[in-house]
Amino acid sequence: MDEYAWPTAGPEAPAADAVRSSWAATVAALPVGTRITGEVFGRQPFGIFIRIDGVPNAIALAEITSMPQGMDLPALGTSVSGEVFWHAHNHQVRVRLDEWLAADE
């Protein structure tokens, strides 16, 4: 597999139509400030996509703009935790990872 993997439909990623149709429930279940855990299932130069535990039709994105300099993106399959800070227009839950916040302190 390439270093960067785009999330695709399958066991790793929810289908796009399921993400869209569940958006209102996702926002209700994951308000800003909610703590999340999940698994990295997609990796791009701009950040990582996370499958959120307990919210099967949600996709989280942690962007490199929140990552401290000198750190690397977590690998595919890595378990991560963080905090919801935004709900994006494209049906993504934006998160800041705990390991990135800890490195900033």
PDB file of N, CA and C in Angstrom:
ATOM      1  N   MET A   1       0.851  -1.185   0.000  1.00  0.00           N
ATOM      2  CA  MET A   1       0.000   0.000   0.000  1.00  0.00           C
ATOM      3  C   MET A   1       0.891   1.241   0.000  1.00  0.00           C
ATOM      4  N   ASP A   2       0.455   2.239  -0.694  1.00  0.00           N
ATOM      5  CA  ASP A   2       1.136   3.521  -0.764  1.00  0.00           C
ATOM      6  C   ASP A   2       1.201   4.157   0.617  1.00  0.00           C
ATOM      7  N   GLU A   3       2.192   5.036   0.844  1.00  0.00           N
ATOM      8  CA  GLU A   3       2.289   5.738   2.123  1.00  0.00           C
ATOM      9  C   GLU A   3       0.999   6.491   2.417  1.00  0.00           C
ATOM     10  N   TYR A   4       0.406   7.078   1.386  1.00  0.00           N
ATOM     11  CA  TYR A   4      -0.843   7.802   1.547  1.00  0.00           C
ATOM     12  C   TYR A   4      -1.974   6.990   0.953  1.00  0.00           C
ATOM     13  N   ALA A   5      -2.998   6.774   1.731  1.00  0.00           N
ATOM     14  CA  ALA A   5      -4.139   5.988   1.263  1.00  0.00           C
ATOM     15  C   ALA A   5      -5.397   6.823   1.383  1.00  0.00           C
ATOM     16  N   TRP A   6      -6.172   6.853   0.322  1.00  0.00           N
ATOM     17  CA  TRP A   6      -7.443   7.571   0.324  1.00  0.00           C
ATOM     18  C   TRP A   6      -8.509   6.642   0.875  1.00  0.00           C
ATOM     19  N   PRO A   7      -9.328   7.114   1.822  1.00  0.00           N
ATOM     20  CA  PRO A   7     -10.370   6.229   2.346  1.00  0.00           C
ATOM     21  C   PRO A   7     -11.373   5.871   1.263  1.00  0.00           C
ATOM     22  N   THR A   8     -11.674   4.603   1.164  1.00  0.00           N
ATOM     23  CA  THR A   8     -12.639   4.128   0.182  1.00  0.00           C
ATOM     24  C   THR A   8     -13.723   3.338   0.891  1.00  0.00           C
ATOM     25  N   ALA A   9     -14.817   3.124   0.215  1.00  0.00           N
ATOM     26  CA  ALA A   9     -15.894   2.333   0.809  1.00  0.00           C
ATOM     27  C   ALA A   9     -15.384   0.923   1.057  1.00  0.00           C
ATOM     28  N   GLY A  10     -15.857   0.320   2.069  1.00  0.00           N
ATOM     29  CA  GLY A  10     -15.437  -1.022   2.453  1.00  0.00           C
ATOM     30  C   GLY A  10     -15.504  -1.129   3.958  1.00  0.00           C
ATOM     31  N   PRO A  11     -14.880  -2.153   4.518  1.00  0.00           N
ATOM     32  CA  PRO A  11     -14.970  -2.326   5.971  1.00  0.00           C
ATOM     33  C   PRO A  11     -14.309  -1.185   6.746  1.00  0.00           C
ATOM     34  N   GLU A  12     -13.367  -0.473   6.123  1.00  0.00           N
ATOM     35  CA  GLU A  12     -12.681   0.609   6.818  1.00  0.00           C
ATOM     36  C   GLU A  12     -13.477   1.907   6.841  1.00  0.00           C
ATOM     37  N   ALA A  13     -14.203   2.185   5.785  1.00  0.00           N
ATOM     38  CA  ALA A  13     -14.862   3.477   5.647  1.00  0.00           C
ATOM     39  C   ALA A  13     -16.355   3.324   5.400  1.00  0.00           C
ATOM     40  N   PRO A  14     -17.155   4.175   6.030  1.00  0.00           N
ATOM     41  CA  PRO A  14     -18.592   4.155   5.727  1.00  0.00           C
ATOM     42  C   PRO A  14     -18.832   4.702   4.320  1.00  0.00           C
ATOM     43  N   ALA A  15     -19.889   4.250   3.704  1.00  0.00           N
ATOM     44  CA  ALA A  15     -20.251   4.732   2.363  1.00  0.00           C
ATOM     45  C   ALA A  15     -20.639   6.204   2.425  1.00  0.00           C
ATOM     46  N   ALA A  16     -20.333   6.938   1.365  1.00  0.00           N
ATOM     47  CA  ALA A  16     -20.602   8.376   1.325  1.00  0.00           C
ATOM     48  C   ALA A  16     -22.076   8.694   1.573  1.00  0.00           C
ATOM     49  N   ASP A  17     -22.991   7.909   0.986  1.00  0.00           N
ATOM     50  CA  ASP A  17     -24.411   8.200   1.194  1.00  0.00           C
ATOM     51  C   ASP A  17     -24.818   7.962   2.648  1.00  0.00           C
ATOM     52  N   ALA A  18     -24.199   6.993   3.327  1.00  0.00           N
ATOM     53  CA  ALA A  18     -24.494   6.760   4.749  1.00  0.00           C
ATOM     54  C   ALA A  18     -23.978   7.918   5.602  1.00  0.00           C
ATOM     55  N   VAL A  19     -22.828   8.445   5.251  1.00  0.00           N
ATOM     56  CA  VAL A  19     -22.270   9.597   5.978  1.00  0.00           C
ATOM     57  C   VAL A  19     -23.196  10.801   5.835  1.00  0.00           C
ATOM     58  N   ARG A  20     -23.641  11.074   4.601  1.00  0.00           N
ATOM     59  CA  ARG A  20     -24.539  12.213   4.349  1.00  0.00           C
ATOM     60  C   ARG A  20     -25.876  12.053   5.055  1.00  0.00           C
ATOM     61  N   SER A  21     -26.484  10.875   4.943  1.00  0.00           N
ATOM     62  CA  SER A  21     -27.814  10.693   5.528  1.00  0.00           C
ATOM     63  C   SER A  21     -27.782  10.652   7.055  1.00  0.00           C
ATOM     64  N   SER A  22     -26.632  10.379   7.634  1.00  0.00           N
ATOM     65  CA  SER A  22     -26.499  10.319   9.097  1.00  0.00           C
ATOM     66  C   SER A  22     -25.936  11.604   9.695  1.00  0.00           C
ATOM     67  N   TRP A  23     -25.730  12.628   8.870  1.00  0.00           N
ATOM     68  CA  TRP A  23     -25.030  13.823   9.331  1.00  0.00           C
ATOM     69  C   TRP A  23     -25.694  14.480  10.540  1.00  0.00           C
ATOM     70  N   ALA A  24     -26.992  14.644  10.532  1.00  0.00           N
ATOM     71  CA  ALA A  24     -27.672  15.281  11.670  1.00  0.00           C
ATOM     72  C   ALA A  24     -27.455  14.471  12.948  1.00  0.00           C
ATOM     73  N   ALA A  25     -27.531  13.158  12.852  1.00  0.00           N
ATOM     74  CA  ALA A  25     -27.304  12.295  14.022  1.00  0.00           C
ATOM     75  C   ALA A  25     -25.844  12.363  14.466  1.00  0.00           C
ATOM     76  N   THR A  26     -24.923  12.458  13.504  1.00  0.00           N
ATOM     77  CA  THR A  26     -23.502  12.565  13.839  1.00  0.00           C
ATOM     78  C   THR A  26     -23.228  13.842  14.617  1.00  0.00           C
ATOM     79  N   VAL A  27     -23.747  14.967  14.128  1.00  0.00           N
ATOM     80  CA  VAL A  27     -23.544  16.256  14.810  1.00  0.00           C
ATOM     81  C   VAL A  27     -24.151  16.216  16.209  1.00  0.00           C
ATOM     82  N   ALA A  28     -25.314  15.605  16.353  1.00  0.00           N
ATOM     83  CA  ALA A  28     -25.952  15.504  17.666  1.00  0.00           C
ATOM     84  C   ALA A  28     -25.139  14.620  18.613  1.00  0.00           C
ATOM     85  N   ALA A  29     -24.563  13.541  18.091  1.00  0.00           N
ATOM     86  CA  ALA A  29     -23.793  12.609  18.921  1.00  0.00           C
ATOM     87  C   ALA A  29     -22.398  13.127  19.264  1.00  0.00           C
ATOM     88  N   LEU A  30     -21.881  14.039  18.419  1.00  0.00           N
ATOM     89  CA  LEU A  30     -20.499  14.505  18.578  1.00  0.00           C
ATOM     90  C   LEU A  30     -20.423  16.035  18.591  1.00  0.00           C
ATOM     91  N   PRO A  31     -21.023  16.684  19.585  1.00  0.00           N
ATOM     92  CA  PRO A  31     -20.928  18.149  19.621  1.00  0.00           C
ATOM     93  C   PRO A  31     -19.489  18.603  19.839  1.00  0.00           C
ATOM     94  N   VAL A  32     -19.220  19.847  19.491  1.00  0.00           N
ATOM     95  CA  VAL A  32     -17.893  20.429  19.711  1.00  0.00           C
ATOM     96  C   VAL A  32     -17.511  20.220  21.176  1.00  0.00           C
ATOM     97  N   GLY A  33     -16.283  19.775  21.383  1.00  0.00           N
ATOM     98  CA  GLY A  33     -15.783  19.501  22.725  1.00  0.00           C
ATOM     99  C   GLY A  33     -15.846  18.038  23.119  1.00  0.00           C
ATOM    100  N   THR A  34     -16.521  17.217  22.310  1.00  0.00           N
ATOM    101  CA  THR A  34     -16.642  15.792  22.609  1.00  0.00           C
ATOM    102  C   THR A  34     -15.297  15.094  22.441  1.00  0.00           C
ATOM    103  N   ARG A  35     -14.963  14.232  23.371  1.00  0.00           N
ATOM    104  CA  ARG A  35     -13.767  13.398  23.287  1.00  0.00           C
ATOM    105  C   ARG A  35     -14.081  12.205  22.375  1.00  0.00           C
ATOM    106  N   ILE A  36     -13.167  11.886  21.483  1.00  0.00           N
ATOM    107  CA  ILE A  36     -13.364  10.749  20.584  1.00  0.00           C
ATOM    108  C   ILE A  36     -12.139   9.834  20.628  1.00  0.00           C
ATOM    109  N   THR A  37     -12.374   8.581  20.265  1.00  0.00           N
ATOM    110  CA  THR A  37     -11.301   7.643  19.972  1.00  0.00           C
ATOM    111  C   THR A  37     -11.658   6.992  18.653  1.00  0.00           C
ATOM    112  N   GLY A  38     -10.661   6.482  17.982  1.00  0.00           N
ATOM    113  CA  GLY A  38     -10.925   5.831  16.715  1.00  0.00           C
ATOM    114  C   GLY A  38      -9.665   5.294  16.087  1.00  0.00           C
ATOM    115  N   GLU A  39      -9.821   4.817  14.845  1.00  0.00           N
ATOM    116  CA  GLU A  39      -8.714   4.207  14.116  1.00  0.00           C
ATOM    117  C   GLU A  39      -8.473   4.951  12.808  1.00  0.00           C
ATOM    118  N   VAL A  40      -7.200   5.196  12.505  1.00  0.00           N
ATOM    119  CA  VAL A  40      -6.822   5.855  11.258  1.00  0.00           C
ATOM    120  C   VAL A  40      -7.090   4.890  10.105  1.00  0.00           C
ATOM    121  N   PHE A  41      -7.928   5.317   9.145  1.00  0.00           N
ATOM    122  CA  PHE A  41      -8.232   4.465   8.001  1.00  0.00           C
ATOM    123  C   PHE A  41      -7.886   5.120   6.676  1.00  0.00           C
ATOM    124  N   GLY A  42      -7.442   6.357   6.704  1.00  0.00           N
ATOM    125  CA  GLY A  42      -7.020   7.055   5.497  1.00  0.00           C
ATOM    126  C   GLY A  42      -5.942   8.056   5.856  1.00  0.00           C
ATOM    127  N   ARG A  43      -5.010   8.234   4.922  1.00  0.00           N
ATOM    128  CA  ARG A  43      -3.867   9.105   5.192  1.00  0.00           C
ATOM    129  C   ARG A  43      -3.548   9.886   3.921  1.00  0.00           C
ATOM    130  N   GLN A  44      -3.470  11.195   4.050  1.00  0.00           N
ATOM    131  CA  GLN A  44      -3.145  12.072   2.934  1.00  0.00           C
ATOM    132  C   GLN A  44      -2.112  13.091   3.406  1.00  0.00           C
ATOM    133  N   PRO A  45      -1.434  13.769   2.495  1.00  0.00           N
ATOM    134  CA  PRO A  45      -0.449  14.765   2.922  1.00  0.00           C
ATOM    135  C   PRO A  45      -1.052  15.862   3.809  1.00  0.00           C
ATOM    136  N   PHE A  46      -2.362  16.099   3.707  1.00  0.00           N
ATOM    137  CA  PHE A  46      -3.001  17.162   4.483  1.00  0.00           C
ATOM    138  C   PHE A  46      -3.564  16.692   5.819  1.00  0.00           C
ATOM    139  N   GLY A  47      -3.562  15.371   6.091  1.00  0.00           N
ATOM    140  CA  GLY A  47      -4.070  14.896   7.371  1.00  0.00           C
ATOM    141  C   GLY A  47      -4.498  13.442   7.325  1.00  0.00           C
ATOM    142  N   ILE A  48      -5.198  13.022   8.391  1.00  0.00           N
ATOM    143  CA  ILE A  48      -5.642  11.634   8.497  1.00  0.00           C
ATOM    144  C   ILE A  48      -7.158  11.569   8.656  1.00  0.00           C
ATOM    145  N   PHE A  49      -7.727  10.487   8.142  1.00  0.00           N
ATOM    146  CA  PHE A  49      -9.147  10.209   8.310  1.00  0.00           C
ATOM    147  C   PHE A  49      -9.288   9.150   9.394  1.00  0.00           C
ATOM    148  N   ILE A  50     -10.274   9.348  10.254  1.00  0.00           N
ATOM    149  CA  ILE A  50     -10.454   8.487  11.421  1.00  0.00           C
ATOM    150  C   ILE A  50     -11.872   7.929  11.430  1.00  0.00           C
ATOM    151  N   ARG A  51     -11.979   6.630  11.657  1.00  0.00           N
ATOM    152  CA  ARG A  51     -13.273   5.989  11.894  1.00  0.00           C
ATOM    153  C   ARG A  51     -13.513   6.115  13.392  1.00  0.00           C
ATOM    154  N   ILE A  52     -14.576   6.811  13.788  1.00  0.00           N
ATOM    155  CA  ILE A  52     -14.840   7.129  15.193  1.00  0.00           C
ATOM    156  C   ILE A  52     -15.542   5.966  15.874  1.00  0.00           C
ATOM    157  N   ASP A  53     -14.991   5.530  16.988  1.00  0.00           N
ATOM    158  CA  ASP A  53     -15.596   4.448  17.763  1.00  0.00           C
ATOM    159  C   ASP A  53     -17.008   4.836  18.198  1.00  0.00           C
ATOM    160  N   GLY A  54     -17.954   3.925  18.002  1.00  0.00           N
ATOM    161  CA  GLY A  54     -19.325   4.122  18.463  1.00  0.00           C
ATOM    162  C   GLY A  54     -20.212   4.965  17.570  1.00  0.00           C
ATOM    163  N   VAL A  55     -19.658   5.537  16.509  1.00  0.00           N
ATOM    164  CA  VAL A  55     -20.444   6.350  15.571  1.00  0.00           C
ATOM    165  C   VAL A  55     -20.086   5.859  14.163  1.00  0.00           C
ATOM    166  N   PRO A  56     -20.698   4.756  13.738  1.00  0.00           N
ATOM    167  CA  PRO A  56     -20.245   4.056  12.535  1.00  0.00           C
ATOM    168  C   PRO A  56     -20.315   4.836  11.226  1.00  0.00           C
ATOM    169  N   ASN A  57     -21.189   5.817  11.105  1.00  0.00           N
ATOM    170  CA  ASN A  57     -21.302   6.562   9.853  1.00  0.00           C
ATOM    171  C   ASN A  57     -20.647   7.935   9.917  1.00  0.00           C
ATOM    172  N   ALA A  58     -19.725   8.101  10.842  1.00  0.00           N
ATOM    173  CA  ALA A  58     -19.010   9.371  10.980  1.00  0.00           C
ATOM    174  C   ALA A  58     -17.585   9.225  10.470  1.00  0.00           C
ATOM    175  N   ILE A  59     -17.099  10.281   9.858  1.00  0.00           N
ATOM    176  CA  ILE A  59     -15.701  10.352   9.430  1.00  0.00           C
ATOM    177  C   ILE A  59     -15.094  11.587  10.075  1.00  0.00           C
ATOM    178  N   ALA A  60     -13.968  11.380  10.747  1.00  0.00           N
ATOM    179  CA  ALA A  60     -13.243  12.502  11.339  1.00  0.00           C
ATOM    180  C   ALA A  60     -12.018  12.794  10.487  1.00  0.00           C
ATOM    181  N   LEU A  61     -11.615  14.038  10.498  1.00  0.00           N
ATOM    182  CA  LEU A  61     -10.398  14.464   9.819  1.00  0.00           C
ATOM    183  C   LEU A  61      -9.558  15.256  10.801  1.00  0.00           C
ATOM    184  N   ALA A  62      -8.311  14.846  10.951  1.00  0.00           N
ATOM    185  CA  ALA A  62      -7.328  15.614  11.721  1.00  0.00           C
ATOM    186  C   ALA A  62      -6.333  16.164  10.708  1.00  0.00           C
ATOM    187  N   GLU A  63      -6.339  17.488  10.538  1.00  0.00           N
ATOM    188  CA  GLU A  63      -5.505  18.133   9.522  1.00  0.00           C
ATOM    189  C   GLU A  63      -4.137  18.504  10.063  1.00  0.00           C
ATOM    190  N   ILE A  64      -3.153  18.551   9.172  1.00  0.00           N
ATOM    191  CA  ILE A  64      -1.798  18.888   9.586  1.00  0.00           C
ATOM    192  C   ILE A  64      -1.690  20.316  10.118  1.00  0.00           C
ATOM    193  N   THR A  65      -2.674  21.151   9.839  1.00  0.00           N
ATOM    194  CA  THR A  65      -2.632  22.517  10.367  1.00  0.00           C
ATOM    195  C   THR A  65      -2.683  22.505  11.898  1.00  0.00           C
ATOM    196  N   SER A  66      -3.151  21.392  12.489  1.00  0.00           N
ATOM    197  CA  SER A  66      -3.189  21.255  13.948  1.00  0.00           C
ATOM    198  C   SER A  66      -2.009  20.449  14.479  1.00  0.00           C
ATOM    199  N   MET A  67      -1.143  19.978  13.593  1.00  0.00           N
ATOM    200  CA  MET A  67      -0.030  19.116  13.984  1.00  0.00           C
ATOM    201  C   MET A  67       1.223  19.954  14.229  1.00  0.00           C
ATOM    202  N   PRO A  68       1.879  19.764  15.380  1.00  0.00           N
ATOM    203  CA  PRO A  68       3.116  20.509  15.637  1.00  0.00           C
ATOM    204  C   PRO A  68       4.203  20.146  14.623  1.00  0.00           C
ATOM    205  N   GLN A  69       5.075  21.107  14.341  1.00  0.00           N
ATOM    206  CA  GLN A  69       6.186  20.864  13.426  1.00  0.00           C
ATOM    207  C   GLN A  69       7.052  19.743  13.969  1.00  0.00           C
ATOM    208  N   GLY A  70       7.577  18.943  13.058  1.00  0.00           N
ATOM    209  CA  GLY A  70       8.477  17.869  13.441  1.00  0.00           C
ATOM    210  C   GLY A  70       7.788  16.557  13.771  1.00  0.00           C
ATOM    211  N   MET A  71       6.462  16.548  13.838  1.00  0.00           N
ATOM    212  CA  MET A  71       5.734  15.305  14.101  1.00  0.00           C
ATOM    213  C   MET A  71       5.342  14.667  12.777  1.00  0.00           C
ATOM    214  N   ASP A  72       5.074  13.379  12.828  1.00  0.00           N
ATOM    215  CA  ASP A  72       4.613  12.645  11.654  1.00  0.00           C
ATOM    216  C   ASP A  72       3.145  12.294  11.806  1.00  0.00           C
ATOM    217  N   LEU A  73       2.477  12.114  10.675  1.00  0.00           N
ATOM    218  CA  LEU A  73       1.094  11.644  10.706  1.00  0.00           C
ATOM    219  C   LEU A  73       1.056  10.224  11.251  1.00  0.00           C
ATOM    220  N   PRO A  74       0.052   9.893  12.060  1.00  0.00           N
ATOM    221  CA  PRO A  74      -0.092   8.507  12.518  1.00  0.00           C
ATOM    222  C   PRO A  74      -0.298   7.569  11.321  1.00  0.00           C
ATOM    223  N   ALA A  75       0.196   6.355  11.443  1.00  0.00           N
ATOM    224  CA  ALA A  75       0.096   5.356  10.379  1.00  0.00           C
ATOM    225  C   ALA A  75      -1.324   4.796  10.282  1.00  0.00           C
ATOM    226  N   LEU A  76      -1.629   4.205   9.147  1.00  0.00           N
ATOM    227  CA  LEU A  76      -2.905   3.509   8.973  1.00  0.00           C
ATOM    228  C   LEU A  76      -3.037   2.440  10.051  1.00  0.00           C
ATOM    229  N   GLY A  77      -4.238   2.312  10.600  1.00  0.00           N
ATOM    230  CA  GLY A  77      -4.494   1.314  11.629  1.00  0.00           C
ATOM    231  C   GLY A  77      -4.175   1.746  13.043  1.00  0.00           C
ATOM    232  N   THR A  78      -3.585   2.924  13.202  1.00  0.00           N
ATOM    233  CA  THR A  78      -3.241   3.433  14.533  1.00  0.00           C
ATOM    234  C   THR A  78      -4.495   3.872  15.282  1.00  0.00           C
ATOM    235  N   SER A  79      -4.559   3.539  16.567  1.00  0.00           N
ATOM    236  CA  SER A  79      -5.637   4.048  17.424  1.00  0.00           C
ATOM    237  C   SER A  79      -5.244   5.434  17.899  1.00  0.00           C
ATOM    238  N   VAL A  80      -6.184   6.375  17.795  1.00  0.00           N
ATOM    239  CA  VAL A  80      -5.923   7.751  18.192  1.00  0.00           C
ATOM    240  C   VAL A  80      -7.077   8.261  19.051  1.00  0.00           C
ATOM    241  N   SER A  81      -6.841   9.354  19.757  1.00  0.00           N
ATOM    242  CA  SER A  81      -7.900  10.013  20.519  1.00  0.00           C
ATOM    243  C   SER A  81      -7.732  11.512  20.339  1.00  0.00           C
ATOM    244  N   GLY A  82      -8.812  12.233  20.587  1.00  0.00           N
ATOM    245  CA  GLY A  82      -8.770  13.665  20.423  1.00  0.00           C
ATOM    246  C   GLY A  82     -10.083  14.306  20.811  1.00  0.00           C
ATOM    247  N   GLU A  83     -10.260  15.530  20.317  1.00  0.00           N
ATOM    248  CA  GLU A  83     -11.436  16.322  20.663  1.00  0.00           C
ATOM    249  C   GLU A  83     -12.028  16.954  19.417  1.00  0.00           C
ATOM    250  N   VAL A  84     -13.348  16.895  19.315  1.00  0.00           N
ATOM    251  CA  VAL A  84     -14.067  17.526  18.209  1.00  0.00           C
ATOM    252  C   VAL A  84     -13.963  19.045  18.367  1.00  0.00           C
ATOM    253  N   PHE A  85     -13.569  19.735  17.280  1.00  0.00           N
ATOM    254  CA  PHE A  85     -13.543  21.194  17.338  1.00  0.00           C
ATOM    255  C   PHE A  85     -14.380  21.856  16.250  1.00  0.00           C
ATOM    256  N   TRP A  86     -14.934  21.062  15.298  1.00  0.00           N
ATOM    257  CA  TRP A  86     -15.725  21.676  14.232  1.00  0.00           C
ATOM    258  C   TRP A  86     -16.492  20.607  13.486  1.00  0.00           C
ATOM    259  N   HIS A  87     -17.590  21.006  12.845  1.00  0.00           N
ATOM    260  CA  HIS A  87     -18.349  20.153  11.936  1.00  0.00           C
ATOM    261  C   HIS A  87     -18.283  20.814  10.566  1.00  0.00           C
ATOM    262  N   ALA A  88     -17.632  20.171   9.632  1.00  0.00           N
ATOM    263  CA  ALA A  88     -17.384  20.779   8.328  1.00  0.00           C
ATOM    264  C   ALA A  88     -18.564  20.596   7.382  1.00  0.00           C
ATOM    265  N   HIS A  89     -18.670  21.505   6.416  1.00  0.00           N
ATOM    266  CA  HIS A  89     -19.754  21.476   5.429  1.00  0.00           C
ATOM    267  C   HIS A  89     -19.751  20.202   4.589  1.00  0.00           C
ATOM    268  N   ASN A  90     -18.618  19.517   4.508  1.00  0.00           N
ATOM    269  CA  ASN A  90     -18.523  18.305   3.691  1.00  0.00           C
ATOM    270  C   ASN A  90     -18.726  17.028   4.515  1.00  0.00           C
ATOM    271  N   HIS A  91     -19.458  17.157   5.615  1.00  0.00           N
ATOM    272  CA  HIS A  91     -19.851  16.020   6.459  1.00  0.00           C
ATOM    273  C   HIS A  91     -18.667  15.340   7.132  1.00  0.00           C
ATOM    274  N   GLN A  92     -17.686  16.141   7.532  1.00  0.00           N
ATOM    275  CA  GLN A  92     -16.551  15.622   8.283  1.00  0.00           C
ATOM    276  C   GLN A  92     -16.526  16.260   9.662  1.00  0.00           C
ATOM    277  N   VAL A  93     -16.182  15.443  10.639  1.00  0.00           N
ATOM    278  CA  VAL A  93     -16.001  15.922  12.004  1.00  0.00           C
ATOM    279  C   VAL A  93     -14.520  16.259  12.135  1.00  0.00           C
ATOM    280  N   ARG A  94     -14.218  17.500  12.405  1.00  0.00           N
ATOM    281  CA  ARG A  94     -12.815  17.912  12.527  1.00  0.00           C
ATOM    282  C   ARG A  94     -12.365  17.713  13.964  1.00  0.00           C
ATOM    283  N   VAL A  95     -11.189  17.103  14.116  1.00  0.00           N
ATOM    284  CA  VAL A  95     -10.665  16.822  15.454  1.00  0.00           C
ATOM    285  C   VAL A  95      -9.220  17.289  15.583  1.00  0.00           C
ATOM    286  N   ARG A  96      -8.833  17.543  16.824  1.00  0.00           N
ATOM    287  CA  ARG A  96      -7.436  17.773  17.192  1.00  0.00           C
ATOM    288  C   ARG A  96      -7.004  16.570  18.013  1.00  0.00           C
ATOM    289  N   LEU A  97      -5.920  15.960  17.610  1.00  0.00           N
ATOM    290  CA  LEU A  97      -5.450  14.760  18.292  1.00  0.00           C
ATOM    291  C   LEU A  97      -4.761  15.102  19.610  1.00  0.00           C
ATOM    292  N   ASP A  98      -4.951  14.245  20.598  1.00  0.00           N
ATOM    293  CA  ASP A  98      -4.328  14.446  21.912  1.00  0.00           C
ATOM    294  C   ASP A  98      -2.814  14.524  21.811  1.00  0.00           C
ATOM    295  N   GLU A  99      -2.211  13.645  21.000  1.00  0.00           N
ATOM    296  CA  GLU A  99      -0.746  13.646  20.913  1.00  0.00           C
ATOM    297  C   GLU A  99      -0.224  14.961  20.326  1.00  0.00           C
ATOM    298  N   TRP A 100      -1.022  15.603  19.465  1.00  0.00           N
ATOM    299  CA  TRP A 100      -0.601  16.879  18.904  1.00  0.00           C
ATOM    300  C   TRP A 100      -0.748  17.990  19.934  1.00  0.00           C
ATOM    301  N   LEU A 101      -1.821  17.940  20.713  1.00  0.00           N
ATOM    302  CA  LEU A 101      -2.031  18.950  21.752  1.00  0.00           C
ATOM    303  C   LEU A 101      -0.964  18.846  22.829  1.00  0.00           C
ATOM    304  N   ALA A 102      -0.610  17.616  23.222  1.00  0.00           N
ATOM    305  CA  ALA A 102       0.390  17.396  24.256  1.00  0.00           C
ATOM    306  C   ALA A 102       1.751  17.929  23.804  1.00  0.00           C
ATOM    307  N   ALA A 103       2.082  17.776  22.527  1.00  0.00           N
ATOM    308  CA  ALA A 103       3.368  18.241  22.008  1.00  0.00           C
ATOM    309  C   ALA A 103       3.441  19.764  21.985  1.00  0.00           C
ATOM    310  N   ASP A 104       2.298  20.427  21.897  1.00  0.00           N
ATOM    311  CA  ASP A 104       2.257  21.892  21.881  1.00  0.00           C
ATOM    312  C   ASP A 104       2.453  22.505  23.270  1.00  0.00           C
ATOM    313  N   GLU A 105       2.200  21.706  24.305  1.00  0.00           N
ATOM    314  CA  GLU A 105       2.251  22.255  25.679  1.00  0.00           C
ATOM    315  C   GLU A 105       3.661  22.378  26.180  1.00  0.00           C
TER     316      GLU A 105
END
